[in-house]
Amino acid sequence: MSQIITTTFFKVESFSNKWWAFTQMQFGHSSLKNIEGLTFYKLLGSGAKNGFSSIPNFGTYVLFVFGNPKQMLKRFLKKILF
């Protein structure tokens, strides 16, 4: 069985986009957990300064995904990215 791992970085600039991205750290799970073929996912924020500060950087987020590409990729891209 083949598996695929993707890491996607999102940079957001306007206040409304930053707020939406921040809320997805809590509410985005409902969209991700029902994608067929998705084995594992992780929503990640980042810190200010060098990326590891305890002060959050509300402009950068990461989506880490692991799963079966044949089942997941089309549904995932359609649901999440478009």
PDB file of N, CA and C in Angstrom:
ATOM      1  N   MET A   1       0.842  -1.174   0.000  1.00  0.00           N
ATOM      2  CA  MET A   1       0.000   0.000   0.000  1.00  0.00           C
ATOM      3  C   MET A   1       0.893   1.244   0.000  1.00  0.00           C
ATOM      4  N   SER A   2       0.648   2.144  -0.934  1.00  0.00           N
ATOM      5  CA  SER A   2       1.447   3.368  -0.992  1.00  0.00           C
ATOM      6  C   SER A   2       0.846   4.442  -0.091  1.00  0.00           C
ATOM      7  N   GLN A   3       1.708   5.260   0.454  1.00  0.00           N
ATOM      8  CA  GLN A   3       1.308   6.355   1.327  1.00  0.00           C
ATOM      9  C   GLN A   3       1.979   7.635   0.835  1.00  0.00           C
ATOM     10  N   ILE A   4       1.386   8.756   1.173  1.00  0.00           N
ATOM     11  CA  ILE A   4       1.955  10.045   0.814  1.00  0.00           C
ATOM     12  C   ILE A   4       1.970  10.937   2.051  1.00  0.00           C
ATOM     13  N   ILE A   5       3.015  11.746   2.164  1.00  0.00           N
ATOM     14  CA  ILE A   5       3.127  12.727   3.241  1.00  0.00           C
ATOM     15  C   ILE A   5       3.259  14.098   2.592  1.00  0.00           C
ATOM     16  N   THR A   6       2.450  15.052   3.030  1.00  0.00           N
ATOM     17  CA  THR A   6       2.568  16.423   2.533  1.00  0.00           C
ATOM     18  C   THR A   6       2.688  17.387   3.708  1.00  0.00           C
ATOM     19  N   THR A   7       3.462  18.402   3.499  1.00  0.00           N
ATOM     20  CA  THR A   7       3.586  19.494   4.458  1.00  0.00           C
ATOM     21  C   THR A   7       3.317  20.779   3.689  1.00  0.00           C
ATOM     22  N   THR A   8       2.274  21.493   4.072  1.00  0.00           N
ATOM     23  CA  THR A   8       1.881  22.708   3.374  1.00  0.00           C
ATOM     24  C   THR A   8       1.977  23.889   4.324  1.00  0.00           C
ATOM     25  N   PHE A   9       2.719  24.905   3.923  1.00  0.00           N
ATOM     26  CA  PHE A   9       2.856  26.124   4.714  1.00  0.00           C
ATOM     27  C   PHE A   9       1.901  27.178   4.176  1.00  0.00           C
ATOM     28  N   PHE A  10       1.187  27.831   5.067  1.00  0.00           N
ATOM     29  CA  PHE A  10       0.251  28.888   4.698  1.00  0.00           C
ATOM     30  C   PHE A  10       0.714  30.194   5.332  1.00  0.00           C
ATOM     31  N   LYS A  11       0.886  31.219   4.500  1.00  0.00           N
ATOM     32  CA  LYS A  11       1.212  32.558   4.989  1.00  0.00           C
ATOM     33  C   LYS A  11      -0.014  33.425   4.744  1.00  0.00           C
ATOM     34  N   VAL A  12      -0.524  34.055   5.784  1.00  0.00           N
ATOM     35  CA  VAL A  12      -1.684  34.930   5.664  1.00  0.00           C
ATOM     36  C   VAL A  12      -1.291  36.329   6.129  1.00  0.00           C
ATOM     37  N   GLU A  13      -1.903  37.354   5.517  1.00  0.00           N
ATOM     38  CA  GLU A  13      -1.475  38.713   5.813  1.00  0.00           C
ATOM     39  C   GLU A  13      -2.540  39.596   6.433  1.00  0.00           C
ATOM     40  N   SER A  14      -3.742  39.614   5.898  1.00  0.00           N
ATOM     41  CA  SER A  14      -4.749  40.535   6.440  1.00  0.00           C
ATOM     42  C   SER A  14      -5.274  40.027   7.783  1.00  0.00           C
ATOM     43  N   PHE A  15      -5.805  40.943   8.564  1.00  0.00           N
ATOM     44  CA  PHE A  15      -6.319  40.573   9.882  1.00  0.00           C
ATOM     45  C   PHE A  15      -7.425  39.525   9.777  1.00  0.00           C
ATOM     46  N   SER A  16      -8.344  39.697   8.815  1.00  0.00           N
ATOM     47  CA  SER A  16      -9.455  38.742   8.681  1.00  0.00           C
ATOM     48  C   SER A  16      -8.949  37.357   8.302  1.00  0.00           C
ATOM     49  N   ASN A  17      -7.929  37.267   7.447  1.00  0.00           N
ATOM     50  CA  ASN A  17      -7.362  35.967   7.086  1.00  0.00           C
ATOM     51  C   ASN A  17      -6.608  35.343   8.256  1.00  0.00           C
ATOM     52  N   LYS A  18      -5.906  36.168   9.027  1.00  0.00           N
ATOM     53  CA  LYS A  18      -5.212  35.663  10.208  1.00  0.00           C
ATOM     54  C   LYS A  18      -6.202  35.125  11.229  1.00  0.00           C
ATOM     55  N   TRP A  19      -7.316  35.837  11.411  1.00  0.00           N
ATOM     56  CA  TRP A  19      -8.334  35.390  12.356  1.00  0.00           C
ATOM     57  C   TRP A  19      -8.942  34.068  11.890  1.00  0.00           C
ATOM     58  N   TRP A  20      -9.267  33.960  10.592  1.00  0.00           N
ATOM     59  CA  TRP A  20      -9.846  32.730  10.057  1.00  0.00           C
ATOM     60  C   TRP A  20      -8.876  31.564  10.248  1.00  0.00           C
ATOM     61  N   ALA A  21      -7.604  31.765   9.913  1.00  0.00           N
ATOM     62  CA  ALA A  21      -6.613  30.696  10.054  1.00  0.00           C
ATOM     63  C   ALA A  21      -6.473  30.278  11.517  1.00  0.00           C
ATOM     64  N   PHE A  22      -6.474  31.238  12.417  1.00  0.00           N
ATOM     65  CA  PHE A  22      -6.375  30.932  13.842  1.00  0.00           C
ATOM     66  C   PHE A  22      -7.566  30.100  14.305  1.00  0.00           C
ATOM     67  N   THR A  23      -8.777  30.427  13.863  1.00  0.00           N
ATOM     68  CA  THR A  23      -9.963  29.656  14.273  1.00  0.00           C
ATOM     69  C   THR A  23      -9.940  28.244  13.704  1.00  0.00           C
ATOM     70  N   GLN A  24      -9.274  28.053  12.561  1.00  0.00           N
ATOM     71  CA  GLN A  24      -9.207  26.714  11.973  1.00  0.00           C
ATOM     72  C   GLN A  24      -8.351  25.758  12.801  1.00  0.00           C
ATOM     73  N   MET A  25      -7.522  26.294  13.671  1.00  0.00           N
ATOM     74  CA  MET A  25      -6.748  25.440  14.571  1.00  0.00           C
ATOM     75  C   MET A  25      -7.689  24.657  15.491  1.00  0.00           C
ATOM     76  N   GLN A  26      -8.874  25.191  15.744  1.00  0.00           N
ATOM     77  CA  GLN A  26      -9.874  24.484  16.552  1.00  0.00           C
ATOM     78  C   GLN A  26     -10.968  23.871  15.680  1.00  0.00           C
ATOM     79  N   PHE A  27     -11.495  24.645  14.744  1.00  0.00           N
ATOM     80  CA  PHE A  27     -12.673  24.201  13.988  1.00  0.00           C
ATOM     81  C   PHE A  27     -12.346  23.442  12.702  1.00  0.00           C
ATOM     82  N   GLY A  28     -11.111  23.478  12.245  1.00  0.00           N
ATOM     83  CA  GLY A  28     -10.728  22.787  11.017  1.00  0.00           C
ATOM     84  C   GLY A  28     -10.733  21.271  11.127  1.00  0.00           C
ATOM     85  N   HIS A  29     -10.702  20.760  12.349  1.00  0.00           N
ATOM     86  CA  HIS A  29     -10.673  19.303  12.546  1.00  0.00           C
ATOM     87  C   HIS A  29     -11.913  18.615  11.978  1.00  0.00           C
ATOM     88  N   SER A  30     -13.056  19.281  12.045  1.00  0.00           N
ATOM     89  CA  SER A  30     -14.289  18.652  11.557  1.00  0.00           C
ATOM     90  C   SER A  30     -14.219  18.387  10.050  1.00  0.00           C
ATOM     91  N   SER A  31     -13.562  19.244   9.300  1.00  0.00           N
ATOM     92  CA  SER A  31     -13.409  19.025   7.855  1.00  0.00           C
ATOM     93  C   SER A  31     -12.362  17.966   7.544  1.00  0.00           C
ATOM     94  N   LEU A  32     -11.309  17.916   8.325  1.00  0.00           N
ATOM     95  CA  LEU A  32     -10.202  17.002   8.033  1.00  0.00           C
ATOM     96  C   LEU A  32     -10.470  15.565   8.458  1.00  0.00           C
ATOM     97  N   LYS A  33     -11.151  15.361   9.559  1.00  0.00           N
ATOM     98  CA  LYS A  33     -11.283  14.008  10.100  1.00  0.00           C
ATOM     99  C   LYS A  33     -12.160  13.087   9.260  1.00  0.00           C
ATOM    100  N   ASN A  34     -12.937  13.631   8.328  1.00  0.00           N
ATOM    101  CA  ASN A  34     -13.840  12.803   7.521  1.00  0.00           C
ATOM    102  C   ASN A  34     -13.345  12.545   6.106  1.00  0.00           C
ATOM    103  N   ILE A  35     -12.106  12.865   5.807  1.00  0.00           N
ATOM    104  CA  ILE A  35     -11.578  12.646   4.458  1.00  0.00           C
ATOM    105  C   ILE A  35     -11.132  11.193   4.322  1.00  0.00           C
ATOM    106  N   GLU A  36     -11.733  10.499   3.365  1.00  0.00           N
ATOM    107  CA  GLU A  36     -11.421   9.081   3.136  1.00  0.00           C
ATOM    108  C   GLU A  36      -9.966   8.923   2.717  1.00  0.00           C
ATOM    109  N   GLY A  37      -9.264   7.982   3.332  1.00  0.00           N
ATOM    110  CA  GLY A  37      -7.874   7.714   3.008  1.00  0.00           C
ATOM    111  C   GLY A  37      -6.882   8.507   3.839  1.00  0.00           C
ATOM    112  N   LEU A  38      -7.362   9.479   4.588  1.00  0.00           N
ATOM    113  CA  LEU A  38      -6.488  10.284   5.439  1.00  0.00           C
ATOM    114  C   LEU A  38      -6.193   9.504   6.706  1.00  0.00           C
ATOM    115  N   THR A  39      -4.930   9.163   6.910  1.00  0.00           N
ATOM    116  CA  THR A  39      -4.509   8.365   8.052  1.00  0.00           C
ATOM    117  C   THR A  39      -4.181   9.231   9.258  1.00  0.00           C
ATOM    118  N   PHE A  40      -3.524  10.358   9.001  1.00  0.00           N
ATOM    119  CA  PHE A  40      -3.066  11.226  10.084  1.00  0.00           C
ATOM    120  C   PHE A  40      -2.957  12.648   9.551  1.00  0.00           C
ATOM    121  N   TYR A  41      -3.299  13.624  10.384  1.00  0.00           N
ATOM    122  CA  TYR A  41      -3.073  15.022  10.043  1.00  0.00           C
ATOM    123  C   TYR A  41      -2.706  15.783  11.306  1.00  0.00           C
ATOM    124  N   LYS A  42      -2.062  16.908  11.118  1.00  0.00           N
ATOM    125  CA  LYS A  42      -1.708  17.770  12.243  1.00  0.00           C
ATOM    126  C   LYS A  42      -1.748  19.214  11.768  1.00  0.00           C
ATOM    127  N   LEU A  43      -2.484  20.039  12.490  1.00  0.00           N
ATOM    128  CA  LEU A  43      -2.504  21.473  12.249  1.00  0.00           C
ATOM    129  C   LEU A  43      -1.472  22.115  13.167  1.00  0.00           C
ATOM    130  N   LEU A  44      -0.593  22.924  12.599  1.00  0.00           N
ATOM    131  CA  LEU A  44       0.500  23.500  13.379  1.00  0.00           C
ATOM    132  C   LEU A  44       0.545  25.013  13.227  1.00  0.00           C
ATOM    133  N   GLY A  45       0.777  25.686  14.328  1.00  0.00           N
ATOM    134  CA  GLY A  45       1.036  27.109  14.311  1.00  0.00           C
ATOM    135  C   GLY A  45       2.535  27.331  14.343  1.00  0.00           C
ATOM    136  N   SER A  46       2.945  28.583  14.436  1.00  0.00           N
ATOM    137  CA  SER A  46       4.374  28.868  14.532  1.00  0.00           C
ATOM    138  C   SER A  46       4.604  30.002  15.519  1.00  0.00           C
ATOM    139  N   GLY A  47       5.809  30.097  15.977  1.00  0.00           N
ATOM    140  CA  GLY A  47       6.170  31.149  16.911  1.00  0.00           C
ATOM    141  C   GLY A  47       6.799  32.329  16.197  1.00  0.00           C
ATOM    142  N   ALA A  48       6.791  33.476  16.858  1.00  0.00           N
ATOM    143  CA  ALA A  48       7.404  34.680  16.296  1.00  0.00           C
ATOM    144  C   ALA A  48       8.927  34.560  16.382  1.00  0.00           C
ATOM    145  N   LYS A  49       9.600  35.590  15.966  1.00  0.00           N
ATOM    146  CA  LYS A  49      11.064  35.668  15.950  1.00  0.00           C
ATOM    147  C   LYS A  49      11.645  34.559  15.076  1.00  0.00           C
ATOM    148  N   ASN A  50      12.299  33.557  15.634  1.00  0.00           N
ATOM    149  CA  ASN A  50      12.918  32.482  14.850  1.00  0.00           C
ATOM    150  C   ASN A  50      11.989  31.295  14.632  1.00  0.00           C
ATOM    151  N   GLY A  51      10.720  31.431  14.962  1.00  0.00           N
ATOM    152  CA  GLY A  51       9.767  30.354  14.758  1.00  0.00           C
ATOM    153  C   GLY A  51       9.533  29.489  15.974  1.00  0.00           C
ATOM    154  N   PHE A  52      10.314  29.680  17.037  1.00  0.00           N
ATOM    155  CA  PHE A  52      10.194  28.832  18.216  1.00  0.00           C
ATOM    156  C   PHE A  52       9.897  29.625  19.485  1.00  0.00           C
ATOM    157  N   SER A  53       9.478  30.848  19.325  1.00  0.00           N
ATOM    158  CA  SER A  53       9.167  31.695  20.465  1.00  0.00           C
ATOM    159  C   SER A  53       7.835  31.273  21.085  1.00  0.00           C
ATOM    160  N   SER A  54       7.644  31.577  22.343  1.00  0.00           N
ATOM    161  CA  SER A  54       6.357  31.309  22.986  1.00  0.00           C
ATOM    162  C   SER A  54       5.309  32.324  22.550  1.00  0.00           C
ATOM    163  N   ILE A  55       5.741  33.366  21.889  1.00  0.00           N
ATOM    164  CA  ILE A  55       4.817  34.354  21.325  1.00  0.00           C
ATOM    165  C   ILE A  55       4.383  33.835  19.953  1.00  0.00           C
ATOM    166  N   PRO A  56       3.067  33.687  19.711  1.00  0.00           N
ATOM    167  CA  PRO A  56       2.623  33.103  18.437  1.00  0.00           C
ATOM    168  C   PRO A  56       2.803  34.047  17.252  1.00  0.00           C
ATOM    169  N   ASN A  57       3.013  33.453  16.097  1.00  0.00           N
ATOM    170  CA  ASN A  57       3.028  34.165  14.825  1.00  0.00           C
ATOM    171  C   ASN A  57       1.689  33.849  14.168  1.00  0.00           C
ATOM    172  N   PHE A  58       0.775  34.796  14.155  1.00  0.00           N
ATOM    173  CA  PHE A  58      -0.561  34.555  13.621  1.00  0.00           C
ATOM    174  C   PHE A  58      -0.611  34.600  12.102  1.00  0.00           C
ATOM    175  N   GLY A  59       0.534  34.749  11.448  1.00  0.00           N
ATOM    176  CA  GLY A  59       0.561  34.825   9.998  1.00  0.00           C
ATOM    177  C   GLY A  59       1.076  33.575   9.303  1.00  0.00           C
ATOM    178  N   THR A  60       1.530  32.565  10.052  1.00  0.00           N
ATOM    179  CA  THR A  60       2.077  31.356   9.440  1.00  0.00           C
ATOM    180  C   THR A  60       1.512  30.113  10.108  1.00  0.00           C
ATOM    181  N   TYR A  61       0.972  29.214   9.289  1.00  0.00           N
ATOM    182  CA  TYR A  61       0.416  27.953   9.774  1.00  0.00           C
ATOM    183  C   TYR A  61       0.888  26.830   8.866  1.00  0.00           C
ATOM    184  N   VAL A  62       0.848  25.598   9.384  1.00  0.00           N
ATOM    185  CA  VAL A  62       1.306  24.437   8.630  1.00  0.00           C
ATOM    186  C   VAL A  62       0.262  23.329   8.743  1.00  0.00           C
ATOM    187  N   LEU A  63       0.024  22.633   7.636  1.00  0.00           N
ATOM    188  CA  LEU A  63      -0.846  21.462   7.617  1.00  0.00           C
ATOM    189  C   LEU A  63       0.007  20.265   7.215  1.00  0.00           C
ATOM    190  N   PHE A  64       0.131  19.292   8.104  1.00  0.00           N
ATOM    191  CA  PHE A  64       0.897  18.065   7.875  1.00  0.00           C
ATOM    192  C   PHE A  64      -0.106  16.937   7.677  1.00  0.00           C
ATOM    193  N   VAL A  65       0.011  16.205   6.556  1.00  0.00           N
ATOM    194  CA  VAL A  65      -0.973  15.183   6.189  1.00  0.00           C
ATOM    195  C   VAL A  65      -0.267  13.896   5.779  1.00  0.00           C
ATOM    196  N   PHE A  66      -0.831  12.749   6.200  1.00  0.00           N
ATOM    197  CA  PHE A  66      -0.315  11.433   5.848  1.00  0.00           C
ATOM    198  C   PHE A  66      -1.499  10.560   5.463  1.00  0.00           C
ATOM    199  N   GLY A  67      -1.413   9.866   4.320  1.00  0.00           N
ATOM    200  CA  GLY A  67      -2.523   9.004   3.938  1.00  0.00           C
ATOM    201  C   GLY A  67      -2.311   8.311   2.612  1.00  0.00           C
ATOM    202  N   ASN A  68      -3.345   7.587   2.176  1.00  0.00           N
ATOM    203  CA  ASN A  68      -3.355   6.853   0.925  1.00  0.00           C
ATOM    204  C   ASN A  68      -3.688   7.823  -0.205  1.00  0.00           C
ATOM    205  N   PRO A  69      -2.762   8.039  -1.146  1.00  0.00           N
ATOM    206  CA  PRO A  69      -2.981   9.068  -2.160  1.00  0.00           C
ATOM    207  C   PRO A  69      -4.147   8.801  -3.096  1.00  0.00           C
ATOM    208  N   LYS A  70      -4.390   7.547  -3.428  1.00  0.00           N
ATOM    209  CA  LYS A  70      -5.471   7.260  -4.370  1.00  0.00           C
ATOM    210  C   LYS A  70      -6.836   7.595  -3.781  1.00  0.00           C
ATOM    211  N   GLN A  71      -7.026   7.319  -2.516  1.00  0.00           N
ATOM    212  CA  GLN A  71      -8.297   7.622  -1.873  1.00  0.00           C
ATOM    213  C   GLN A  71      -8.397   9.089  -1.473  1.00  0.00           C
ATOM    214  N   MET A  72      -7.305   9.640  -1.043  1.00  0.00           N
ATOM    215  CA  MET A  72      -7.325  10.914  -0.360  1.00  0.00           C
ATOM    216  C   MET A  72      -7.086  12.125  -1.239  1.00  0.00           C
ATOM    217  N   LEU A  73      -6.176  12.052  -2.159  1.00  0.00           N
ATOM    218  CA  LEU A  73      -5.652  13.245  -2.807  1.00  0.00           C
ATOM    219  C   LEU A  73      -6.718  14.090  -3.499  1.00  0.00           C
ATOM    220  N   LYS A  74      -7.553  13.486  -4.327  1.00  0.00           N
ATOM    221  CA  LYS A  74      -8.572  14.255  -5.026  1.00  0.00           C
ATOM    222  C   LYS A  74      -9.547  14.896  -4.054  1.00  0.00           C
ATOM    223  N   ARG A  75     -10.045  14.118  -3.108  1.00  0.00           N
ATOM    224  CA  ARG A  75     -11.008  14.648  -2.134  1.00  0.00           C
ATOM    225  C   ARG A  75     -10.361  15.715  -1.257  1.00  0.00           C
ATOM    226  N   PHE A  76      -9.145  15.450  -0.846  1.00  0.00           N
ATOM    227  CA  PHE A  76      -8.431  16.378   0.019  1.00  0.00           C
ATOM    228  C   PHE A  76      -8.218  17.717  -0.683  1.00  0.00           C
ATOM    229  N   LEU A  77      -7.670  17.675  -1.873  1.00  0.00           N
ATOM    230  CA  LEU A  77      -7.403  18.919  -2.598  1.00  0.00           C
ATOM    231  C   LEU A  77      -8.689  19.684  -2.897  1.00  0.00           C
ATOM    232  N   LYS A  78      -9.729  18.971  -3.261  1.00  0.00           N
ATOM    233  CA  LYS A  78     -10.993  19.630  -3.573  1.00  0.00           C
ATOM    234  C   LYS A  78     -11.608  20.256  -2.324  1.00  0.00           C
ATOM    235  N   LYS A  79     -11.570  19.558  -1.215  1.00  0.00           N
ATOM    236  CA  LYS A  79     -12.219  20.032   0.010  1.00  0.00           C
ATOM    237  C   LYS A  79     -11.416  21.103   0.729  1.00  0.00           C
ATOM    238  N   ILE A  80     -10.106  20.945   0.797  1.00  0.00           N
ATOM    239  CA  ILE A  80      -9.280  21.827   1.606  1.00  0.00           C
ATOM    240  C   ILE A  80      -8.737  23.024   0.814  1.00  0.00           C
ATOM    241  N   LEU A  81      -8.215  22.794  -0.361  1.00  0.00           N
ATOM    242  CA  LEU A  81      -7.497  23.853  -1.061  1.00  0.00           C
ATOM    243  C   LEU A  81      -8.356  24.666  -2.024  1.00  0.00           C
ATOM    244  N   PHE A  82      -9.511  24.190  -2.412  1.00  0.00           N
ATOM    245  CA  PHE A  82     -10.324  24.934  -3.382  1.00  0.00           C
ATOM    246  C   PHE A  82     -11.632  25.369  -2.804  1.00  0.00           C
TER     247      PHE A  82
END
